[in-house]
């Protein structure tokens, strides 16, 4: 009976972790798509500025610096979102037991087998759900 309960608990934890990661990953992917759309709009704006001022003697690249800086900012935001997606995938692997989780100090990260919450070193019970943690 205990084996069925443990199996059920692990299944629920897996569903919980995967659902949470799926939702967060989709938010990040939506943000990336939004940033990419805004980059295209900024590039179009740069083209219009260059075309309108092309024949004038006063044209300089300074006229498009603001748009170029905005494009760079959006590329940086995209890189940050991609990094967060990678971190989500790593955490999911750690929680579900596919990778040994190691912190910078070399200490093993423990996760609750019932809810998937990260546990602190030395705790015997999960802070989130109260499940007894394995030593």
C-alpha atoms as a PDB file:
ATOM      1  CA  UNK A   1       0.000   0.000   0.000  1.00  0.00           C
ATOM      2  CA  UNK A   2       2.863   2.363   0.841  1.00  0.00           C
ATOM      3  CA  UNK A   3       4.400   1.729  -2.578  1.00  0.00           C
ATOM      4  CA  UNK A   4       1.190   2.798  -4.293  1.00  0.00           C
ATOM      5  CA  UNK A   5       0.999   5.909  -2.122  1.00  0.00           C
ATOM      6  CA  UNK A   6       4.625   6.824  -2.900  1.00  0.00           C
ATOM      7  CA  UNK A   7       4.076   6.181  -6.597  1.00  0.00           C
ATOM      8  CA  UNK A   8       0.956   8.344  -6.571  1.00  0.00           C
ATOM      9  CA  UNK A   9       2.766  11.117  -4.659  1.00  0.00           C
ATOM     10  CA  UNK A  10       5.662  11.062  -7.115  1.00  0.00           C
ATOM     11  CA  UNK A  11       3.218  11.187 -10.007  1.00  0.00           C
ATOM     12  CA  UNK A  12       1.486  14.225  -8.514  1.00  0.00           C
ATOM     13  CA  UNK A  13       4.825  15.927  -7.892  1.00  0.00           C
ATOM     14  CA  UNK A  14       5.828  15.254 -11.505  1.00  0.00           C
ATOM     15  CA  UNK A  15       2.580  16.723 -12.805  1.00  0.00           C
ATOM     16  CA  UNK A  16       2.930  19.725 -10.492  1.00  0.00           C
ATOM     17  CA  UNK A  17       6.508  20.448 -11.581  1.00  0.00           C
ATOM     18  CA  UNK A  18       5.852  19.898 -15.287  1.00  0.00           C
ATOM     19  CA  UNK A  19       2.700  22.066 -15.251  1.00  0.00           C
ATOM     20  CA  UNK A  20       4.435  24.871 -13.396  1.00  0.00           C
ATOM     21  CA  UNK A  21       7.433  24.773 -15.741  1.00  0.00           C
ATOM     22  CA  UNK A  22       5.187  24.591 -18.809  1.00  0.00           C
ATOM     23  CA  UNK A  23       3.300  27.709 -17.737  1.00  0.00           C
ATOM     24  CA  UNK A  24       6.476  29.646 -16.925  1.00  0.00           C
ATOM     25  CA  UNK A  25       8.196  28.545 -20.134  1.00  0.00           C
ATOM     26  CA  UNK A  26       5.214  29.656 -22.216  1.00  0.00           C
ATOM     27  CA  UNK A  27       5.260  33.080 -20.525  1.00  0.00           C
ATOM     28  CA  UNK A  28       8.932  33.416 -21.406  1.00  0.00           C
ATOM     29  CA  UNK A  29       8.369  32.256 -25.002  1.00  0.00           C
ATOM     30  CA  UNK A  30       5.542  34.796 -25.357  1.00  0.00           C
ATOM     31  CA  UNK A  31       7.882  37.491 -24.077  1.00  0.00           C
ATOM     32  CA  UNK A  32      10.516  36.429 -26.624  1.00  0.00           C
ATOM     33  CA  UNK A  33       7.966  36.570 -29.460  1.00  0.00           C
ATOM     34  CA  UNK A  34       6.854  40.035 -28.331  1.00  0.00           C
ATOM     35  CA  UNK A  35      10.454  41.285 -28.209  1.00  0.00           C
ATOM     36  CA  UNK A  36      11.154  39.853 -31.677  1.00  0.00           C
ATOM     37  CA  UNK A  37       8.067  41.617 -33.072  1.00  0.00           C
ATOM     38  CA  UNK A  38       9.159  44.905 -31.505  1.00  0.00           C
ATOM     39  CA  UNK A  39      12.650  44.443 -32.981  1.00  0.00           C
ATOM     40  CA  UNK A  40      11.137  44.072 -36.459  1.00  0.00           C
ATOM     41  CA  UNK A  41       9.079  47.231 -35.921  1.00  0.00           C
ATOM     42  CA  UNK A  42      12.184  49.133 -34.794  1.00  0.00           C
ATOM     43  CA  UNK A  43      14.125  47.936 -37.839  1.00  0.00           C
ATOM     44  CA  UNK A  44      11.287  49.144 -40.057  1.00  0.00           C
ATOM     45  CA  UNK A  45      11.358  52.498 -38.249  1.00  0.00           C
ATOM     46  CA  UNK A  46      15.115  52.779 -38.834  1.00  0.00           C
ATOM     47  CA  UNK A  47      14.555  52.118 -42.532  1.00  0.00           C
ATOM     48  CA  UNK A  48      11.947  54.883 -42.720  1.00  0.00           C
ATOM     49  CA  UNK A  49      14.209  57.365 -40.930  1.00  0.00           C
ATOM     50  CA  UNK A  50      17.149  56.550 -43.195  1.00  0.00           C
ATOM     51  CA  UNK A  51      15.032  56.778 -46.348  1.00  0.00           C
ATOM     52  CA  UNK A  52      13.421  60.097 -45.363  1.00  0.00           C
ATOM     53  CA  UNK A  53      16.764  61.695 -44.492  1.00  0.00           C
ATOM     54  CA  UNK A  54      18.898  60.013 -47.146  1.00  0.00           C
ATOM     55  CA  UNK A  55      19.057  62.951 -49.544  1.00  0.00           C
ATOM     56  CA  UNK A  56      19.541  65.635 -46.899  1.00  0.00           C
ATOM     57  CA  UNK A  57      22.922  67.015 -46.025  1.00  0.00           C
ATOM     58  CA  UNK A  58      22.222  66.863 -42.300  1.00  0.00           C
ATOM     59  CA  UNK A  59      21.714  63.084 -42.128  1.00  0.00           C
ATOM     60  CA  UNK A  60      23.866  61.141 -39.671  1.00  0.00           C
ATOM     61  CA  UNK A  61      23.636  57.845 -37.882  1.00  0.00           C
ATOM     62  CA  UNK A  62      22.807  59.788 -34.743  1.00  0.00           C
ATOM     63  CA  UNK A  63      19.236  59.970 -36.087  1.00  0.00           C
ATOM     64  CA  UNK A  64      18.779  56.210 -35.516  1.00  0.00           C
ATOM     65  CA  UNK A  65      20.842  55.686 -32.356  1.00  0.00           C
ATOM     66  CA  UNK A  66      17.754  55.586 -30.120  1.00  0.00           C
ATOM     67  CA  UNK A  67      16.190  52.813 -32.204  1.00  0.00           C
ATOM     68  CA  UNK A  68      19.471  50.865 -32.313  1.00  0.00           C
ATOM     69  CA  UNK A  69      19.771  51.045 -28.528  1.00  0.00           C
ATOM     70  CA  UNK A  70      16.161  49.870 -28.157  1.00  0.00           C
ATOM     71  CA  UNK A  71      16.927  46.898 -30.429  1.00  0.00           C
ATOM     72  CA  UNK A  72      19.962  45.960 -28.338  1.00  0.00           C
ATOM     73  CA  UNK A  73      17.894  46.179 -25.147  1.00  0.00           C
ATOM     74  CA  UNK A  74      15.313  43.802 -26.624  1.00  0.00           C
ATOM     75  CA  UNK A  75      17.994  41.329 -27.733  1.00  0.00           C
ATOM     76  CA  UNK A  76      19.345  41.386 -24.172  1.00  0.00           C
ATOM     77  CA  UNK A  77      15.833  40.670 -22.852  1.00  0.00           C
ATOM     78  CA  UNK A  78      15.508  37.742 -25.274  1.00  0.00           C
ATOM     79  CA  UNK A  79      18.839  36.332 -24.074  1.00  0.00           C
ATOM     80  CA  UNK A  80      17.679  36.612 -20.451  1.00  0.00           C
ATOM     81  CA  UNK A  81      14.409  34.791 -21.252  1.00  0.00           C
ATOM     82  CA  UNK A  82      16.329  31.996 -22.996  1.00  0.00           C
ATOM     83  CA  UNK A  83      18.593  31.682 -19.970  1.00  0.00           C
ATOM     84  CA  UNK A  84      15.562  31.403 -17.688  1.00  0.00           C
ATOM     85  CA  UNK A  85      14.070  28.696 -19.924  1.00  0.00           C
ATOM     86  CA  UNK A  86      17.312  26.710 -19.629  1.00  0.00           C
ATOM     87  CA  UNK A  87      17.278  27.137 -15.845  1.00  0.00           C
ATOM     88  CA  UNK A  88      13.687  25.864 -15.709  1.00  0.00           C
ATOM     89  CA  UNK A  89      14.669  22.766 -17.674  1.00  0.00           C
ATOM     90  CA  UNK A  90      17.627  22.108 -15.345  1.00  0.00           C
ATOM     91  CA  UNK A  91      15.488  22.550 -12.242  1.00  0.00           C
ATOM     92  CA  UNK A  92      12.861  20.184 -13.659  1.00  0.00           C
ATOM     93  CA  UNK A  93      15.530  17.548 -14.271  1.00  0.00           C
ATOM     94  CA  UNK A  94      16.822  17.988 -10.723  1.00  0.00           C
ATOM     95  CA  UNK A  95      13.372  17.816  -9.154  1.00  0.00           C
ATOM     96  CA  UNK A  96      12.358  14.755 -11.129  1.00  0.00           C
ATOM     97  CA  UNK A  97      15.642  13.022 -10.373  1.00  0.00           C
ATOM     98  CA  UNK A  98      17.153  13.002 -13.857  1.00  0.00           C
ATOM     99  CA  UNK A  99      20.258  14.989 -12.843  1.00  0.00           C
ATOM    100  CA  UNK A 100      22.085  15.231  -9.562  1.00  0.00           C
ATOM    101  CA  UNK A 101      21.530  18.755  -8.270  1.00  0.00           C
ATOM    102  CA  UNK A 102      24.625  20.495  -7.018  1.00  0.00           C
ATOM    103  CA  UNK A 103      24.794  24.021  -5.636  1.00  0.00           C
ATOM    104  CA  UNK A 104      27.876  26.195  -5.968  1.00  0.00           C
ATOM    105  CA  UNK A 105      29.094  25.123  -2.526  1.00  0.00           C
ATOM    106  CA  UNK A 106      28.974  21.486  -3.660  1.00  0.00           C
ATOM    107  CA  UNK A 107      25.973  20.659  -1.448  1.00  0.00           C
ATOM    108  CA  UNK A 108      23.264  18.411  -2.837  1.00  0.00           C
ATOM    109  CA  UNK A 109      19.920  20.070  -3.484  1.00  0.00           C
ATOM    110  CA  UNK A 110      16.973  18.102  -2.122  1.00  0.00           C
ATOM    111  CA  UNK A 111      13.426  18.270  -3.397  1.00  0.00           C
ATOM    112  CA  UNK A 112      10.219  17.071  -1.801  1.00  0.00           C
ATOM    113  CA  UNK A 113       9.045  13.893  -3.541  1.00  0.00           C
ATOM    114  CA  UNK A 114       5.416  14.902  -2.943  1.00  0.00           C
ATOM    115  CA  UNK A 115       5.202  18.527  -4.137  1.00  0.00           C
ATOM    116  CA  UNK A 116       8.598  19.155  -5.762  1.00  0.00           C
ATOM    117  CA  UNK A 117       9.550  22.089  -3.529  1.00  0.00           C
ATOM    118  CA  UNK A 118      13.245  22.653  -2.851  1.00  0.00           C
ATOM    119  CA  UNK A 119      14.094  21.771   0.747  1.00  0.00           C
ATOM    120  CA  UNK A 120      16.672  23.440   2.918  1.00  0.00           C
ATOM    121  CA  UNK A 121      19.618  21.520   4.316  1.00  0.00           C
ATOM    122  CA  UNK A 122      18.816  19.753   7.521  1.00  0.00           C
ATOM    123  CA  UNK A 123      15.031  20.020   7.275  1.00  0.00           C
ATOM    124  CA  UNK A 124      13.158  16.801   7.967  1.00  0.00           C
ATOM    125  CA  UNK A 125       9.807  18.014   6.633  1.00  0.00           C
ATOM    126  CA  UNK A 126       8.830  19.994   3.547  1.00  0.00           C
ATOM    127  CA  UNK A 127       8.033  23.648   4.251  1.00  0.00           C
ATOM    128  CA  UNK A 128       5.357  23.691   1.543  1.00  0.00           C
ATOM    129  CA  UNK A 129       3.358  20.471   2.114  1.00  0.00           C
ATOM    130  CA  UNK A 130       4.701  18.988   5.355  1.00  0.00           C
ATOM    131  CA  UNK A 131       5.769  15.715   3.757  1.00  0.00           C
ATOM    132  CA  UNK A 132       8.578  13.868   5.564  1.00  0.00           C
ATOM    133  CA  UNK A 133      11.827  14.265   3.643  1.00  0.00           C
ATOM    134  CA  UNK A 134      14.274  11.441   3.109  1.00  0.00           C
ATOM    135  CA  UNK A 135      17.667  11.836   4.763  1.00  0.00           C
END
